[in-house]
Amino acid sequence: MNDSNVPVQRDTLLTLLFPTDIEEVVIDLLLEHPEWAAGFTCALVEGHGAAMQPRDPAERVRGRSRRFQVQIALNQDQASALIAHFRMELANPDVAYWTVPLTRFGRLS
């Protein structure tokens, strides 16, 4: 909810993908700004590809890297503000993000 108690239209899905060793830093940055990230989903995932550099020998053998993924449903302005905040506070080339249009968001009750 925003200041006028009108529900915020969630039209964007922001995904953050980053190494597991900075999980707490990223979560703390999100928790500092509930106006942008009132709620989010976290998951441990595995990344494949040239941009995913394995961090330990086991990852090199398996050919994939463990990553932490956060997804946040928010509006486009909030997503832009959150990305700018992360760029200032956590300029890290191992942190990837993308946004996609969110056509519907709601609750079943």
Protein backbone atom coordinates (compact mmCIF):
# COMPACT_ATOMS: atom_id res chain seq x y z
CA MET A 1 0.00 0.00 0.00
CA ASN A 2 1.13 3.56 -0.62
CA ASP A 3 0.58 6.67 1.52
CA SER A 4 -3.03 7.10 0.47
CA ASN A 5 -3.89 3.48 1.38
CA VAL A 6 -4.62 2.70 -2.25
CA PRO A 7 -3.16 -0.64 -3.38
CA VAL A 8 -0.06 -0.26 -5.54
CA GLN A 9 -0.51 -1.60 -9.05
CA ARG A 10 2.05 -4.33 -9.51
CA ASP A 11 2.87 -4.28 -13.20
CA THR A 12 6.50 -5.45 -13.14
CA LEU A 13 8.29 -8.57 -11.97
CA LEU A 14 11.88 -7.84 -10.94
CA THR A 15 14.26 -10.78 -10.68
CA LEU A 16 17.65 -10.51 -8.99
CA LEU A 17 20.23 -13.27 -9.41
CA PHE A 18 23.42 -13.28 -7.36
CA PRO A 19 26.05 -15.49 -5.70
CA THR A 20 24.95 -17.20 -2.51
CA ASP A 21 27.73 -15.61 -0.47
CA ILE A 22 26.06 -12.17 -0.68
CA GLU A 23 22.55 -13.40 0.12
CA GLU A 24 22.35 -11.63 3.49
CA VAL A 25 23.63 -8.34 2.05
CA VAL A 26 20.98 -8.38 -0.68
CA ILE A 27 18.18 -9.36 1.71
CA ASP A 28 19.22 -6.61 4.14
CA LEU A 29 19.15 -4.02 1.31
CA LEU A 30 15.65 -5.17 0.38
CA LEU A 31 14.43 -5.05 3.98
CA GLU A 32 15.69 -1.46 4.28
CA HIS A 33 13.09 -0.41 1.70
CA PRO A 34 9.68 -1.95 2.31
CA GLU A 35 8.18 0.85 0.20
CA TRP A 36 9.78 -0.84 -2.85
CA ALA A 37 10.00 -4.45 -1.71
CA ALA A 38 7.09 -5.04 0.65
CA GLY A 39 7.32 -8.75 -0.04
CA PHE A 40 9.50 -10.98 -2.14
CA THR A 41 10.21 -14.61 -2.93
CA CYS A 42 13.64 -16.22 -2.53
CA ALA A 43 14.99 -19.43 -4.02
CA LEU A 44 18.27 -21.24 -4.40
CA VAL A 45 18.86 -21.87 -8.11
CA GLU A 46 21.66 -23.06 -10.38
CA GLY A 47 23.04 -20.98 -13.21
CA HIS A 48 24.48 -22.22 -16.46
CA GLY A 49 26.46 -20.31 -19.07
CA ALA A 50 29.55 -18.24 -19.65
CA ALA A 51 28.49 -15.48 -17.24
CA MET A 52 28.11 -17.95 -14.36
CA GLN A 53 31.65 -18.50 -13.18
CA PRO A 54 31.91 -21.52 -10.86
CA ARG A 55 33.22 -20.48 -7.45
CA ASP A 56 34.49 -23.81 -6.16
CA PRO A 57 35.83 -27.10 -7.56
CA ALA A 58 32.52 -28.93 -7.16
CA GLU A 59 30.76 -26.30 -9.26
CA ARG A 60 33.47 -26.59 -11.94
CA VAL A 61 32.95 -30.36 -12.09
CA ARG A 62 29.16 -30.03 -12.29
CA GLY A 63 29.36 -27.19 -14.83
CA ARG A 64 26.88 -24.94 -13.05
CA SER A 65 26.94 -22.38 -10.27
CA ARG A 66 24.69 -22.01 -7.26
CA ARG A 67 22.92 -18.69 -7.19
CA PHE A 68 20.27 -17.07 -5.06
CA GLN A 69 17.23 -15.64 -6.81
CA VAL A 70 14.82 -13.03 -5.52
CA GLN A 71 11.59 -12.10 -7.30
CA ILE A 72 9.55 -9.02 -6.44
CA ALA A 73 6.18 -7.97 -7.84
CA LEU A 74 6.06 -4.17 -7.85
CA ASN A 75 5.37 -1.25 -10.15
CA GLN A 76 7.80 -0.05 -12.79
CA ASP A 77 8.82 3.10 -10.88
CA GLN A 78 9.58 1.07 -7.76
CA ALA A 79 11.62 -1.42 -9.81
CA SER A 80 13.69 1.42 -11.29
CA ALA A 81 14.26 2.94 -7.86
CA LEU A 82 15.29 -0.40 -6.39
CA ILE A 83 17.71 -1.12 -9.25
CA ALA A 84 19.28 2.34 -8.83
CA HIS A 85 19.61 1.73 -5.08
CA PHE A 86 21.34 -1.61 -5.68
CA ARG A 87 23.72 0.00 -8.19
CA MET A 88 24.77 2.53 -5.54
CA GLU A 89 24.98 0.14 -2.60
CA LEU A 90 26.13 -3.08 -4.26
CA ALA A 91 27.94 -2.43 -7.53
CA ASN A 92 28.82 -6.05 -8.30
CA PRO A 93 29.15 -7.58 -11.77
CA ASP A 94 28.01 -10.95 -10.35
CA VAL A 95 24.55 -9.53 -9.62
CA ALA A 96 22.19 -9.81 -12.57
CA TYR A 97 18.66 -8.50 -12.83
CA TRP A 98 15.82 -8.37 -15.29
CA THR A 99 12.28 -7.09 -15.38
CA VAL A 100 9.29 -8.43 -17.22
CA PRO A 101 5.77 -7.06 -17.52
CA LEU A 102 3.41 -8.52 -14.95
CA THR A 103 -0.04 -8.84 -16.44
CA ARG A 104 -1.84 -9.89 -13.29
CA PHE A 105 -1.15 -10.00 -9.54
CA GLY A 106 -3.63 -10.86 -6.82
CA ARG A 107 -4.72 -13.06 -3.96
CA LEU A 108 -7.17 -15.94 -4.09
CA SER A 109 -9.20 -14.73 -1.15
